[in-house]
């Protein structure tokens, strides 16, 4: 007898697609990231964002995907945030412990969590 499709509950072995896990796994693999394109994109976002929009629009038309495949942009931007926050703490903070707390809170709360909340609410 052929298997039939059940309209009831899904089986317990079915798991959601591991998109986030796959994305997080790529963060550690530097050879898979397109660092040169990331820096090009960052530079042109500051100087001529229209060019970046045109390239992103072309990427959407060819690959049917708005997002980048690699997390290089977030990794590089996070490193820039850490460097800027460390420079701020070196100039204005008195204790090393408070400087570490400030860097961690800026990176995780102000950058990542606020970005996730804002992106989700705008979506």
PDB file of N, CA and C in Angstrom:
ATOM      1  N   UNK A   1       0.841  -1.172   0.000  1.00  0.00           N
ATOM      2  CA  UNK A   1       0.000   0.000   0.000  1.00  0.00           C
ATOM      3  C   UNK A   1       0.886   1.235   0.000  1.00  0.00           C
ATOM      4  N   UNK A   2       0.509   2.278  -0.742  1.00  0.00           N
ATOM      5  CA  UNK A   2       1.277   3.512  -0.828  1.00  0.00           C
ATOM      6  C   UNK A   2       1.041   4.385   0.394  1.00  0.00           C
ATOM      7  N   UNK A   3       2.063   5.116   0.814  1.00  0.00           N
ATOM      8  CA  UNK A   3       1.862   6.016   1.954  1.00  0.00           C
ATOM      9  C   UNK A   3       0.937   7.171   1.573  1.00  0.00           C
ATOM     10  N   UNK A   4       0.167   7.615   2.521  1.00  0.00           N
ATOM     11  CA  UNK A   4      -0.748   8.724   2.279  1.00  0.00           C
ATOM     12  C   UNK A   4      -0.310   9.935   3.075  1.00  0.00           C
ATOM     13  N   UNK A   5      -0.781  11.073   2.662  1.00  0.00           N
ATOM     14  CA  UNK A   5      -0.468  12.317   3.353  1.00  0.00           C
ATOM     15  C   UNK A   5      -1.495  12.545   4.436  1.00  0.00           C
ATOM     16  N   UNK A   6      -1.031  12.763   5.631  1.00  0.00           N
ATOM     17  CA  UNK A   6      -1.923  12.992   6.756  1.00  0.00           C
ATOM     18  C   UNK A   6      -2.208  14.476   6.886  1.00  0.00           C
ATOM     19  N   UNK A   7      -3.440  14.838   7.121  1.00  0.00           N
ATOM     20  CA  UNK A   7      -3.826  16.239   7.308  1.00  0.00           C
ATOM     21  C   UNK A   7      -3.762  16.633   8.780  1.00  0.00           C
ATOM     22  N   UNK A   8      -3.410  15.707   9.634  1.00  0.00           N
ATOM     23  CA  UNK A   8      -3.378  15.960  11.076  1.00  0.00           C
ATOM     24  C   UNK A   8      -2.059  16.586  11.492  1.00  0.00           C
ATOM     25  N   UNK A   9      -1.630  16.217  12.672  1.00  0.00           N
ATOM     26  CA  UNK A   9      -0.394  16.755  13.226  1.00  0.00           C
ATOM     27  C   UNK A   9       0.802  16.295  12.426  1.00  0.00           C
ATOM     28  N   UNK A  10       1.829  17.125  12.403  1.00  0.00           N
ATOM     29  CA  UNK A  10       3.084  16.752  11.744  1.00  0.00           C
ATOM     30  C   UNK A  10       3.834  15.778  12.639  1.00  0.00           C
ATOM     31  N   UNK A  11       4.630  14.934  12.039  1.00  0.00           N
ATOM     32  CA  UNK A  11       5.385  13.973  12.834  1.00  0.00           C
ATOM     33  C   UNK A  11       6.460  14.692  13.644  1.00  0.00           C
ATOM     34  N   UNK A  12       6.890  14.064  14.694  1.00  0.00           N
ATOM     35  CA  UNK A  12       7.864  14.697  15.582  1.00  0.00           C
ATOM     36  C   UNK A  12       9.261  14.731  14.987  1.00  0.00           C
ATOM     37  N   UNK A  13       9.497  13.996  13.904  1.00  0.00           N
ATOM     38  CA  UNK A  13      10.826  14.005  13.303  1.00  0.00           C
ATOM     39  C   UNK A  13      11.020  15.164  12.339  1.00  0.00           C
ATOM     40  N   UNK A  14       9.959  15.862  11.968  1.00  0.00           N
ATOM     41  CA  UNK A  14      10.062  16.995  11.056  1.00  0.00           C
ATOM     42  C   UNK A  14      10.546  18.200  11.843  1.00  0.00           C
ATOM     43  N   UNK A  15      11.646  18.783  11.388  1.00  0.00           N
ATOM     44  CA  UNK A  15      12.199  19.955  12.045  1.00  0.00           C
ATOM     45  C   UNK A  15      12.154  21.130  11.091  1.00  0.00           C
ATOM     46  N   UNK A  16      12.107  22.354  11.616  1.00  0.00           N
ATOM     47  CA  UNK A  16      12.109  23.510  10.728  1.00  0.00           C
ATOM     48  C   UNK A  16      13.440  23.614   9.992  1.00  0.00           C
ATOM     49  N   UNK A  17      13.430  24.322   8.895  1.00  0.00           N
ATOM     50  CA  UNK A  17      14.649  24.431   8.092  1.00  0.00           C
ATOM     51  C   UNK A  17      15.743  25.128   8.898  1.00  0.00           C
ATOM     52  N   UNK A  18      16.937  24.618   8.865  1.00  0.00           N
ATOM     53  CA  UNK A  18      18.026  25.164   9.692  1.00  0.00           C
ATOM     54  C   UNK A  18      18.722  26.355   9.031  1.00  0.00           C
ATOM     55  N   UNK A  19      17.952  27.368   8.643  1.00  0.00           N
ATOM     56  CA  UNK A  19      18.535  28.525   7.971  1.00  0.00           C
ATOM     57  C   UNK A  19      19.456  29.287   8.913  1.00  0.00           C
ATOM     58  N   UNK A  20      18.989  29.548  10.129  1.00  0.00           N
ATOM     59  CA  UNK A  20      19.800  30.294  11.088  1.00  0.00           C
ATOM     60  C   UNK A  20      21.052  29.509  11.476  1.00  0.00           C
ATOM     61  N   UNK A  21      20.917  28.217  11.678  1.00  0.00           N
ATOM     62  CA  UNK A  21      22.075  27.401  12.033  1.00  0.00           C
ATOM     63  C   UNK A  21      23.102  27.386  10.900  1.00  0.00           C
ATOM     64  N   UNK A  22      22.616  27.300   9.668  1.00  0.00           N
ATOM     65  CA  UNK A  22      23.515  27.314   8.512  1.00  0.00           C
ATOM     66  C   UNK A  22      24.230  28.662   8.406  1.00  0.00           C
ATOM     67  N   UNK A  23      23.486  29.749   8.658  1.00  0.00           N
ATOM     68  CA  UNK A  23      24.060  31.100   8.616  1.00  0.00           C
ATOM     69  C   UNK A  23      25.103  31.282   9.715  1.00  0.00           C
ATOM     70  N   UNK A  24      24.800  30.801  10.915  1.00  0.00           N
ATOM     71  CA  UNK A  24      25.742  30.934  12.031  1.00  0.00           C
ATOM     72  C   UNK A  24      26.973  30.053  11.841  1.00  0.00           C
ATOM     73  N   UNK A  25      26.804  28.902  11.177  1.00  0.00           N
ATOM     74  CA  UNK A  25      27.947  28.039  10.899  1.00  0.00           C
ATOM     75  C   UNK A  25      28.925  28.711   9.935  1.00  0.00           C
ATOM     76  N   UNK A  26      28.410  29.543   9.043  1.00  0.00           N
ATOM     77  CA  UNK A  26      29.272  30.214   8.067  1.00  0.00           C
ATOM     78  C   UNK A  26      30.101  31.341   8.673  1.00  0.00           C
ATOM     79  N   UNK A  27      29.715  31.815   9.859  1.00  0.00           N
ATOM     80  CA  UNK A  27      30.451  32.915  10.491  1.00  0.00           C
ATOM     81  C   UNK A  27      31.882  32.500  10.798  1.00  0.00           C
ATOM     82  N   UNK A  28      32.107  31.246  11.153  1.00  0.00           N
ATOM     83  CA  UNK A  28      33.444  30.785  11.520  1.00  0.00           C
ATOM     84  C   UNK A  28      34.303  30.427  10.311  1.00  0.00           C
ATOM     85  N   UNK A  29      33.708  30.259   9.160  1.00  0.00           N
ATOM     86  CA  UNK A  29      34.455  29.856   7.970  1.00  0.00           C
ATOM     87  C   UNK A  29      34.808  31.087   7.133  1.00  0.00           C
ATOM     88  N   UNK A  30      36.002  31.631   7.362  1.00  0.00           N
ATOM     89  CA  UNK A  30      36.423  32.856   6.685  1.00  0.00           C
ATOM     90  C   UNK A  30      36.607  32.659   5.183  1.00  0.00           C
ATOM     91  N   UNK A  31      37.020  31.455   4.763  1.00  0.00           N
ATOM     92  CA  UNK A  31      37.273  31.238   3.347  1.00  0.00           C
ATOM     93  C   UNK A  31      35.995  31.266   2.518  1.00  0.00           C
ATOM     94  N   UNK A  32      34.827  31.129   3.139  1.00  0.00           N
ATOM     95  CA  UNK A  32      33.567  31.181   2.415  1.00  0.00           C
ATOM     96  C   UNK A  32      32.993  32.585   2.317  1.00  0.00           C
ATOM     97  N   UNK A  33      33.567  33.527   3.043  1.00  0.00           N
ATOM     98  CA  UNK A  33      33.052  34.889   3.036  1.00  0.00           C
ATOM     99  C   UNK A  33      33.712  35.716   1.935  1.00  0.00           C
ATOM    100  N   UNK A  34      32.910  36.556   1.319  1.00  0.00           N
ATOM    101  CA  UNK A  34      33.415  37.438   0.276  1.00  0.00           C
ATOM    102  C   UNK A  34      33.756  38.788   0.910  1.00  0.00           C
ATOM    103  N   UNK A  35      34.949  38.866   1.490  1.00  0.00           N
ATOM    104  CA  UNK A  35      35.375  40.050   2.236  1.00  0.00           C
ATOM    105  C   UNK A  35      35.566  41.250   1.310  1.00  0.00           C
ATOM    106  N   UNK A  36      36.131  41.028   0.139  1.00  0.00           N
ATOM    107  CA  UNK A  36      36.375  42.130  -0.803  1.00  0.00           C
ATOM    108  C   UNK A  36      35.061  42.783  -1.228  1.00  0.00           C
ATOM    109  N   UNK A  37      34.053  41.986  -1.556  1.00  0.00           N
ATOM    110  CA  UNK A  37      32.747  42.532  -1.944  1.00  0.00           C
ATOM    111  C   UNK A  37      32.085  43.239  -0.767  1.00  0.00           C
ATOM    112  N   UNK A  38      32.320  42.746   0.439  1.00  0.00           N
ATOM    113  CA  UNK A  38      31.757  43.385   1.625  1.00  0.00           C
ATOM    114  C   UNK A  38      32.328  44.784   1.807  1.00  0.00           C
ATOM    115  N   UNK A  39      33.650  44.919   1.687  1.00  0.00           N
ATOM    116  CA  UNK A  39      34.256  46.245   1.822  1.00  0.00           C
ATOM    117  C   UNK A  39      33.830  47.165   0.681  1.00  0.00           C
ATOM    118  N   UNK A  40      33.684  46.618  -0.530  1.00  0.00           N
ATOM    119  CA  UNK A  40      33.203  47.413  -1.655  1.00  0.00           C
ATOM    120  C   UNK A  40      31.799  47.929  -1.366  1.00  0.00           C
ATOM    121  N   UNK A  41      30.954  47.045  -0.833  1.00  0.00           N
ATOM    122  CA  UNK A  41      29.584  47.413  -0.520  1.00  0.00           C
ATOM    123  C   UNK A  41      29.540  48.478   0.574  1.00  0.00           C
ATOM    124  N   UNK A  42      30.356  48.328   1.606  1.00  0.00           N
ATOM    125  CA  UNK A  42      30.385  49.308   2.692  1.00  0.00           C
ATOM    126  C   UNK A  42      30.853  50.670   2.209  1.00  0.00           C
ATOM    127  N   UNK A  43      31.880  50.683   1.368  1.00  0.00           N
ATOM    128  CA  UNK A  43      32.387  51.946   0.835  1.00  0.00           C
ATOM    129  C   UNK A  43      31.327  52.640  -0.014  1.00  0.00           C
ATOM    130  N   UNK A  44      30.677  51.880  -0.875  1.00  0.00           N
ATOM    131  CA  UNK A  44      29.685  52.486  -1.757  1.00  0.00           C
ATOM    132  C   UNK A  44      28.381  52.820  -1.043  1.00  0.00           C
ATOM    133  N   UNK A  45      28.090  52.195   0.088  1.00  0.00           N
ATOM    134  CA  UNK A  45      26.937  52.613   0.881  1.00  0.00           C
ATOM    135  C   UNK A  45      27.155  54.008   1.458  1.00  0.00           C
ATOM    136  N   UNK A  46      28.423  54.360   1.714  1.00  0.00           N
ATOM    137  CA  UNK A  46      28.731  55.695   2.225  1.00  0.00           C
ATOM    138  C   UNK A  46      28.845  56.727   1.101  1.00  0.00           C
ATOM    139  N   UNK A  47      29.380  56.330  -0.050  1.00  0.00           N
ATOM    140  CA  UNK A  47      29.631  57.285  -1.131  1.00  0.00           C
ATOM    141  C   UNK A  47      28.501  57.351  -2.156  1.00  0.00           C
ATOM    142  N   UNK A  48      28.022  56.210  -2.627  1.00  0.00           N
ATOM    143  CA  UNK A  48      26.947  56.200  -3.627  1.00  0.00           C
ATOM    144  C   UNK A  48      26.046  54.980  -3.411  1.00  0.00           C
ATOM    145  N   UNK A  49      25.050  55.121  -2.557  1.00  0.00           N
ATOM    146  CA  UNK A  49      24.178  53.993  -2.241  1.00  0.00           C
ATOM    147  C   UNK A  49      23.353  53.508  -3.435  1.00  0.00           C
ATOM    148  N   UNK A  50      23.184  54.359  -4.442  1.00  0.00           N
ATOM    149  CA  UNK A  50      22.423  53.969  -5.627  1.00  0.00           C
ATOM    150  C   UNK A  50      23.080  52.791  -6.338  1.00  0.00           C
ATOM    151  N   UNK A  51      24.401  52.779  -6.354  1.00  0.00           N
ATOM    152  CA  UNK A  51      25.145  51.692  -7.008  1.00  0.00           C
ATOM    153  C   UNK A  51      24.904  50.378  -6.270  1.00  0.00           C
ATOM    154  N   UNK A  52      24.919  50.427  -4.939  1.00  0.00           N
ATOM    155  CA  UNK A  52      24.681  49.217  -4.148  1.00  0.00           C
ATOM    156  C   UNK A  52      23.254  48.731  -4.366  1.00  0.00           C
ATOM    157  N   UNK A  53      22.309  49.660  -4.427  1.00  0.00           N
ATOM    158  CA  UNK A  53      20.922  49.269  -4.682  1.00  0.00           C
ATOM    159  C   UNK A  53      20.790  48.602  -6.047  1.00  0.00           C
ATOM    160  N   UNK A  54      21.456  49.133  -7.051  1.00  0.00           N
ATOM    161  CA  UNK A  54      21.380  48.539  -8.391  1.00  0.00           C
ATOM    162  C   UNK A  54      21.978  47.138  -8.403  1.00  0.00           C
ATOM    163  N   UNK A  55      23.098  46.944  -7.715  1.00  0.00           N
ATOM    164  CA  UNK A  55      23.701  45.612  -7.645  1.00  0.00           C
ATOM    165  C   UNK A  55      22.803  44.639  -6.877  1.00  0.00           C
ATOM    166  N   UNK A  56      22.180  45.126  -5.793  1.00  0.00           N
ATOM    167  CA  UNK A  56      21.284  44.275  -5.018  1.00  0.00           C
ATOM    168  C   UNK A  56      20.038  43.929  -5.829  1.00  0.00           C
ATOM    169  N   UNK A  57      19.540  44.884  -6.576  1.00  0.00           N
ATOM    170  CA  UNK A  57      18.380  44.639  -7.437  1.00  0.00           C
ATOM    171  C   UNK A  57      18.716  43.612  -8.516  1.00  0.00           C
ATOM    172  N   UNK A  58      19.908  43.711  -9.082  1.00  0.00           N
ATOM    173  CA  UNK A  58      20.342  42.734 -10.077  1.00  0.00           C
ATOM    174  C   UNK A  58      20.482  41.341  -9.445  1.00  0.00           C
ATOM    175  N   UNK A  59      20.998  41.300  -8.218  1.00  0.00           N
ATOM    176  CA  UNK A  59      21.132  40.028  -7.491  1.00  0.00           C
ATOM    177  C   UNK A  59      19.762  39.411  -7.248  1.00  0.00           C
ATOM    178  N   UNK A  60      18.763  40.250  -6.929  1.00  0.00           N
ATOM    179  CA  UNK A  60      17.402  39.755  -6.716  1.00  0.00           C
ATOM    180  C   UNK A  60      16.835  39.179  -8.016  1.00  0.00           C
ATOM    181  N   UNK A  61      17.132  39.827  -9.139  1.00  0.00           N
ATOM    182  CA  UNK A  61      16.609  39.355 -10.420  1.00  0.00           C
ATOM    183  C   UNK A  61      17.271  38.063 -10.867  1.00  0.00           C
ATOM    184  N   UNK A  62      18.550  37.890 -10.567  1.00  0.00           N
ATOM    185  CA  UNK A  62      19.255  36.694 -11.033  1.00  0.00           C
ATOM    186  C   UNK A  62      19.115  35.514 -10.089  1.00  0.00           C
ATOM    187  N   UNK A  63      19.199  35.746  -8.778  1.00  0.00           N
ATOM    188  CA  UNK A  63      19.153  34.643  -7.814  1.00  0.00           C
ATOM    189  C   UNK A  63      17.843  34.561  -7.041  1.00  0.00           C
ATOM    190  N   UNK A  64      16.940  35.519  -7.288  1.00  0.00           N
ATOM    191  CA  UNK A  64      15.650  35.578  -6.613  1.00  0.00           C
ATOM    192  C   UNK A  64      15.820  35.595  -5.094  1.00  0.00           C
ATOM    193  N   UNK A  65      16.749  36.419  -4.628  1.00  0.00           N
ATOM    194  CA  UNK A  65      17.042  36.511  -3.198  1.00  0.00           C
ATOM    195  C   UNK A  65      17.596  37.902  -2.922  1.00  0.00           C
ATOM    196  N   UNK A  66      17.018  38.587  -1.937  1.00  0.00           N
ATOM    197  CA  UNK A  66      17.516  39.914  -1.580  1.00  0.00           C
ATOM    198  C   UNK A  66      18.765  39.814  -0.705  1.00  0.00           C
ATOM    199  N   UNK A  67      18.803  38.850   0.181  1.00  0.00           N
ATOM    200  CA  UNK A  67      19.875  38.765   1.175  1.00  0.00           C
ATOM    201  C   UNK A  67      21.154  38.198   0.572  1.00  0.00           C
ATOM    202  N   UNK A  68      22.250  38.511   1.218  1.00  0.00           N
ATOM    203  CA  UNK A  68      23.534  37.936   0.838  1.00  0.00           C
ATOM    204  C   UNK A  68      23.626  36.513   1.352  1.00  0.00           C
ATOM    205  N   UNK A  69      24.452  35.724   0.691  1.00  0.00           N
ATOM    206  CA  UNK A  69      24.618  34.331   1.100  1.00  0.00           C
ATOM    207  C   UNK A  69      25.537  34.173   2.303  1.00  0.00           C
ATOM    208  N   UNK A  70      26.453  35.104   2.472  1.00  0.00           N
ATOM    209  CA  UNK A  70      27.427  34.972   3.556  1.00  0.00           C
ATOM    210  C   UNK A  70      27.206  36.060   4.611  1.00  0.00           C
ATOM    211  N   UNK A  71      27.616  35.785   5.845  1.00  0.00           N
ATOM    212  CA  UNK A  71      27.439  36.758   6.921  1.00  0.00           C
ATOM    213  C   UNK A  71      28.600  37.744   7.044  1.00  0.00           C
ATOM    214  N   UNK A  72      29.362  37.945   5.982  1.00  0.00           N
ATOM    215  CA  UNK A  72      30.558  38.780   6.048  1.00  0.00           C
ATOM    216  C   UNK A  72      30.230  40.227   6.432  1.00  0.00           C
ATOM    217  N   UNK A  73      29.128  40.758   5.915  1.00  0.00           N
ATOM    218  CA  UNK A  73      28.772  42.142   6.213  1.00  0.00           C
ATOM    219  C   UNK A  73      28.529  42.333   7.707  1.00  0.00           C
ATOM    220  N   UNK A  74      27.810  41.419   8.322  1.00  0.00           N
ATOM    221  CA  UNK A  74      27.528  41.530   9.762  1.00  0.00           C
ATOM    222  C   UNK A  74      28.799  41.340  10.579  1.00  0.00           C
ATOM    223  N   UNK A  75      29.662  40.430  10.164  1.00  0.00           N
ATOM    224  CA  UNK A  75      30.911  40.185  10.901  1.00  0.00           C
ATOM    225  C   UNK A  75      31.816  41.415  10.839  1.00  0.00           C
ATOM    226  N   UNK A  76      32.008  41.967   9.637  1.00  0.00           N
ATOM    227  CA  UNK A  76      32.876  43.147   9.485  1.00  0.00           C
ATOM    228  C   UNK A  76      32.276  44.351  10.206  1.00  0.00           C
ATOM    229  N   UNK A  77      30.971  44.557  10.070  1.00  0.00           N
ATOM    230  CA  UNK A  77      30.324  45.676  10.749  1.00  0.00           C
ATOM    231  C   UNK A  77      30.405  45.520  12.264  1.00  0.00           C
ATOM    232  N   UNK A  78      30.286  44.289  12.762  1.00  0.00           N
ATOM    233  CA  UNK A  78      30.434  44.049  14.207  1.00  0.00           C
ATOM    234  C   UNK A  78      31.858  44.371  14.673  1.00  0.00           C
ATOM    235  N   UNK A  79      32.847  44.022  13.859  1.00  0.00           N
ATOM    236  CA  UNK A  79      34.232  44.363  14.203  1.00  0.00           C
ATOM    237  C   UNK A  79      34.434  45.878  14.229  1.00  0.00           C
ATOM    238  N   UNK A  80      33.828  46.588  13.285  1.00  0.00           N
ATOM    239  CA  UNK A  80      33.915  48.052  13.289  1.00  0.00           C
ATOM    240  C   UNK A  80      33.235  48.647  14.515  1.00  0.00           C
ATOM    241  N   UNK A  81      32.112  48.084  14.924  1.00  0.00           N
ATOM    242  CA  UNK A  81      31.415  48.561  16.125  1.00  0.00           C
ATOM    243  C   UNK A  81      32.270  48.324  17.359  1.00  0.00           C
ATOM    244  N   UNK A  82      32.915  47.166  17.442  1.00  0.00           N
ATOM    245  CA  UNK A  82      33.787  46.862  18.583  1.00  0.00           C
ATOM    246  C   UNK A  82      34.982  47.821  18.616  1.00  0.00           C
ATOM    247  N   UNK A  83      35.587  48.094  17.476  1.00  0.00           N
ATOM    248  CA  UNK A  83      36.732  49.013  17.421  1.00  0.00           C
ATOM    249  C   UNK A  83      36.301  50.423  17.824  1.00  0.00           C
ATOM    250  N   UNK A  84      35.165  50.896  17.307  1.00  0.00           N
ATOM    251  CA  UNK A  84      34.693  52.242  17.645  1.00  0.00           C
ATOM    252  C   UNK A  84      34.331  52.350  19.125  1.00  0.00           C
ATOM    253  N   UNK A  85      33.689  51.337  19.664  1.00  0.00           N
ATOM    254  CA  UNK A  85      33.332  51.355  21.084  1.00  0.00           C
ATOM    255  C   UNK A  85      34.568  51.265  21.968  1.00  0.00           C
ATOM    256  N   UNK A  86      35.554  50.477  21.543  1.00  0.00           N
ATOM    257  CA  UNK A  86      36.808  50.388  22.307  1.00  0.00           C
ATOM    258  C   UNK A  86      37.550  51.724  22.294  1.00  0.00           C
ATOM    259  N   UNK A  87      37.546  52.408  21.168  1.00  0.00           N
ATOM    260  CA  UNK A  87      38.186  53.727  21.107  1.00  0.00           C
ATOM    261  C   UNK A  87      37.457  54.722  22.006  1.00  0.00           C
ATOM    262  N   UNK A  88      36.133  54.663  22.020  1.00  0.00           N
ATOM    263  CA  UNK A  88      35.356  55.525  22.908  1.00  0.00           C
ATOM    264  C   UNK A  88      35.686  55.229  24.366  1.00  0.00           C
ATOM    265  N   UNK A  89      35.754  53.943  24.719  1.00  0.00           N
ATOM    266  CA  UNK A  89      36.061  53.560  26.102  1.00  0.00           C
ATOM    267  C   UNK A  89      37.484  53.941  26.495  1.00  0.00           C
ATOM    268  N   UNK A  90      38.412  53.836  25.535  1.00  0.00           N
ATOM    269  CA  UNK A  90      39.800  54.236  25.832  1.00  0.00           C
ATOM    270  C   UNK A  90      39.890  55.728  26.102  1.00  0.00           C
ATOM    271  N   UNK A  91      39.056  56.506  25.439  1.00  0.00           N
ATOM    272  CA  UNK A  91      39.108  57.949  25.614  1.00  0.00           C
ATOM    273  C   UNK A  91      38.332  58.429  26.841  1.00  0.00           C
ATOM    274  N   UNK A  92      37.205  57.802  27.139  1.00  0.00           N
ATOM    275  CA  UNK A  92      36.318  58.358  28.158  1.00  0.00           C
ATOM    276  C   UNK A  92      36.062  57.467  29.367  1.00  0.00           C
ATOM    277  N   UNK A  93      36.494  56.222  29.361  1.00  0.00           N
ATOM    278  CA  UNK A  93      36.194  55.323  30.478  1.00  0.00           C
ATOM    279  C   UNK A  93      37.412  55.176  31.372  1.00  0.00           C
ATOM    280  N   UNK A  94      37.161  54.974  32.668  1.00  0.00           N
ATOM    281  CA  UNK A  94      38.276  54.882  33.607  1.00  0.00           C
ATOM    282  C   UNK A  94      38.653  53.451  33.961  1.00  0.00           C
ATOM    283  N   UNK A  95      37.696  52.534  33.986  1.00  0.00           N
ATOM    284  CA  UNK A  95      38.018  51.173  34.385  1.00  0.00           C
ATOM    285  C   UNK A  95      37.892  50.201  33.205  1.00  0.00           C
ATOM    286  N   UNK A  96      38.743  49.193  33.234  1.00  0.00           N
ATOM    287  CA  UNK A  96      38.760  48.191  32.161  1.00  0.00           C
ATOM    288  C   UNK A  96      37.504  47.326  32.183  1.00  0.00           C
ATOM    289  N   UNK A  97      37.035  46.969  33.375  1.00  0.00           N
ATOM    290  CA  UNK A  97      35.834  46.138  33.514  1.00  0.00           C
ATOM    291  C   UNK A  97      34.602  46.819  32.936  1.00  0.00           C
ATOM    292  N   UNK A  98      34.464  48.102  33.207  1.00  0.00           N
ATOM    293  CA  UNK A  98      33.330  48.841  32.660  1.00  0.00           C
ATOM    294  C   UNK A  98      33.460  48.992  31.146  1.00  0.00           C
ATOM    295  N   UNK A  99      34.674  49.114  30.653  1.00  0.00           N
ATOM    296  CA  UNK A  99      34.887  49.215  29.203  1.00  0.00           C
ATOM    297  C   UNK A  99      34.483  47.913  28.506  1.00  0.00           C
ATOM    298  N   UNK A 100      34.832  46.773  29.104  1.00  0.00           N
ATOM    299  CA  UNK A 100      34.440  45.476  28.527  1.00  0.00           C
ATOM    300  C   UNK A 100      32.921  45.337  28.547  1.00  0.00           C
ATOM    301  N   UNK A 101      32.293  45.724  29.659  1.00  0.00           N
ATOM    302  CA  UNK A 101      30.831  45.680  29.737  1.00  0.00           C
ATOM    303  C   UNK A 101      30.198  46.583  28.683  1.00  0.00           C
ATOM    304  N   UNK A 102      30.763  47.759  28.470  1.00  0.00           N
ATOM    305  CA  UNK A 102      30.229  48.690  27.481  1.00  0.00           C
ATOM    306  C   UNK A 102      30.346  48.117  26.075  1.00  0.00           C
ATOM    307  N   UNK A 103      31.491  47.522  25.740  1.00  0.00           N
ATOM    308  CA  UNK A 103      31.685  46.932  24.405  1.00  0.00           C
ATOM    309  C   UNK A 103      30.693  45.799  24.180  1.00  0.00           C
ATOM    310  N   UNK A 104      30.533  44.929  25.171  1.00  0.00           N
ATOM    311  CA  UNK A 104      29.610  43.793  25.025  1.00  0.00           C
ATOM    312  C   UNK A 104      28.163  44.273  24.920  1.00  0.00           C
ATOM    313  N   UNK A 105      27.777  45.248  25.739  1.00  0.00           N
ATOM    314  CA  UNK A 105      26.392  45.728  25.687  1.00  0.00           C
ATOM    315  C   UNK A 105      26.100  46.457  24.382  1.00  0.00           C
ATOM    316  N   UNK A 106      27.057  47.220  23.873  1.00  0.00           N
ATOM    317  CA  UNK A 106      26.843  47.911  22.606  1.00  0.00           C
ATOM    318  C   UNK A 106      26.743  46.912  21.462  1.00  0.00           C
ATOM    319  N   UNK A 107      27.613  45.910  21.468  1.00  0.00           N
ATOM    320  CA  UNK A 107      27.597  44.937  20.381  1.00  0.00           C
ATOM    321  C   UNK A 107      26.338  44.087  20.416  1.00  0.00           C
ATOM    322  N   UNK A 108      26.005  43.503  21.551  1.00  0.00           N
ATOM    323  CA  UNK A 108      24.890  42.571  21.595  1.00  0.00           C
ATOM    324  C   UNK A 108      23.532  43.265  21.704  1.00  0.00           C
ATOM    325  N   UNK A 109      23.418  44.230  22.620  1.00  0.00           N
ATOM    326  CA  UNK A 109      22.100  44.828  22.802  1.00  0.00           C
ATOM    327  C   UNK A 109      21.817  45.908  21.759  1.00  0.00           C
ATOM    328  N   UNK A 110      22.679  46.913  21.697  1.00  0.00           N
ATOM    329  CA  UNK A 110      22.400  48.048  20.821  1.00  0.00           C
ATOM    330  C   UNK A 110      22.510  47.698  19.344  1.00  0.00           C
ATOM    331  N   UNK A 111      23.420  46.840  18.965  1.00  0.00           N
ATOM    332  CA  UNK A 111      23.612  46.519  17.554  1.00  0.00           C
ATOM    333  C   UNK A 111      22.759  45.329  17.117  1.00  0.00           C
ATOM    334  N   UNK A 112      22.949  44.178  17.744  1.00  0.00           N
ATOM    335  CA  UNK A 112      22.272  42.968  17.278  1.00  0.00           C
ATOM    336  C   UNK A 112      20.801  42.901  17.686  1.00  0.00           C
ATOM    337  N   UNK A 113      20.498  43.039  18.971  1.00  0.00           N
ATOM    338  CA  UNK A 113      19.113  42.894  19.428  1.00  0.00           C
ATOM    339  C   UNK A 113      18.242  44.024  18.883  1.00  0.00           C
ATOM    340  N   UNK A 114      18.726  45.260  18.948  1.00  0.00           N
ATOM    341  CA  UNK A 114      17.944  46.375  18.405  1.00  0.00           C
ATOM    342  C   UNK A 114      17.756  46.236  16.898  1.00  0.00           C
ATOM    343  N   UNK A 115      18.769  45.746  16.206  1.00  0.00           N
ATOM    344  CA  UNK A 115      18.656  45.527  14.770  1.00  0.00           C
ATOM    345  C   UNK A 115      17.657  44.448  14.426  1.00  0.00           C
ATOM    346  N   UNK A 116      17.655  43.370  15.205  1.00  0.00           N
ATOM    347  CA  UNK A 116      16.691  42.284  14.976  1.00  0.00           C
ATOM    348  C   UNK A 116      15.265  42.763  15.240  1.00  0.00           C
ATOM    349  N   UNK A 117      15.066  43.506  16.328  1.00  0.00           N
ATOM    350  CA  UNK A 117      13.729  44.015  16.665  1.00  0.00           C
ATOM    351  C   UNK A 117      13.262  44.987  15.586  1.00  0.00           C
ATOM    352  N   UNK A 118      14.115  45.894  15.165  1.00  0.00           N
ATOM    353  CA  UNK A 118      13.736  46.885  14.151  1.00  0.00           C
ATOM    354  C   UNK A 118      13.446  46.212  12.807  1.00  0.00           C
ATOM    355  N   UNK A 119      14.293  45.273  12.405  1.00  0.00           N
ATOM    356  CA  UNK A 119      14.072  44.576  11.137  1.00  0.00           C
ATOM    357  C   UNK A 119      12.789  43.745  11.157  1.00  0.00           C
ATOM    358  N   UNK A 120      12.523  43.114  12.298  1.00  0.00           N
ATOM    359  CA  UNK A 120      11.304  42.316  12.414  1.00  0.00           C
ATOM    360  C   UNK A 120      10.064  43.188  12.399  1.00  0.00           C
ATOM    361  N   UNK A 121      10.120  44.315  13.095  1.00  0.00           N
ATOM    362  CA  UNK A 121       8.938  45.203  13.123  1.00  0.00           C
ATOM    363  C   UNK A 121       8.705  45.864  11.766  1.00  0.00           C
ATOM    364  N   UNK A 122       9.750  46.159  11.029  1.00  0.00           N
ATOM    365  CA  UNK A 122       9.583  46.757   9.700  1.00  0.00           C
ATOM    366  C   UNK A 122       9.189  45.717   8.662  1.00  0.00           C
ATOM    367  N   UNK A 123       9.480  44.469   8.902  1.00  0.00           N
ATOM    368  CA  UNK A 123       9.135  43.400   7.964  1.00  0.00           C
ATOM    369  C   UNK A 123       7.653  43.190   7.958  1.00  0.00           C
TER     370      UNK A 123
END
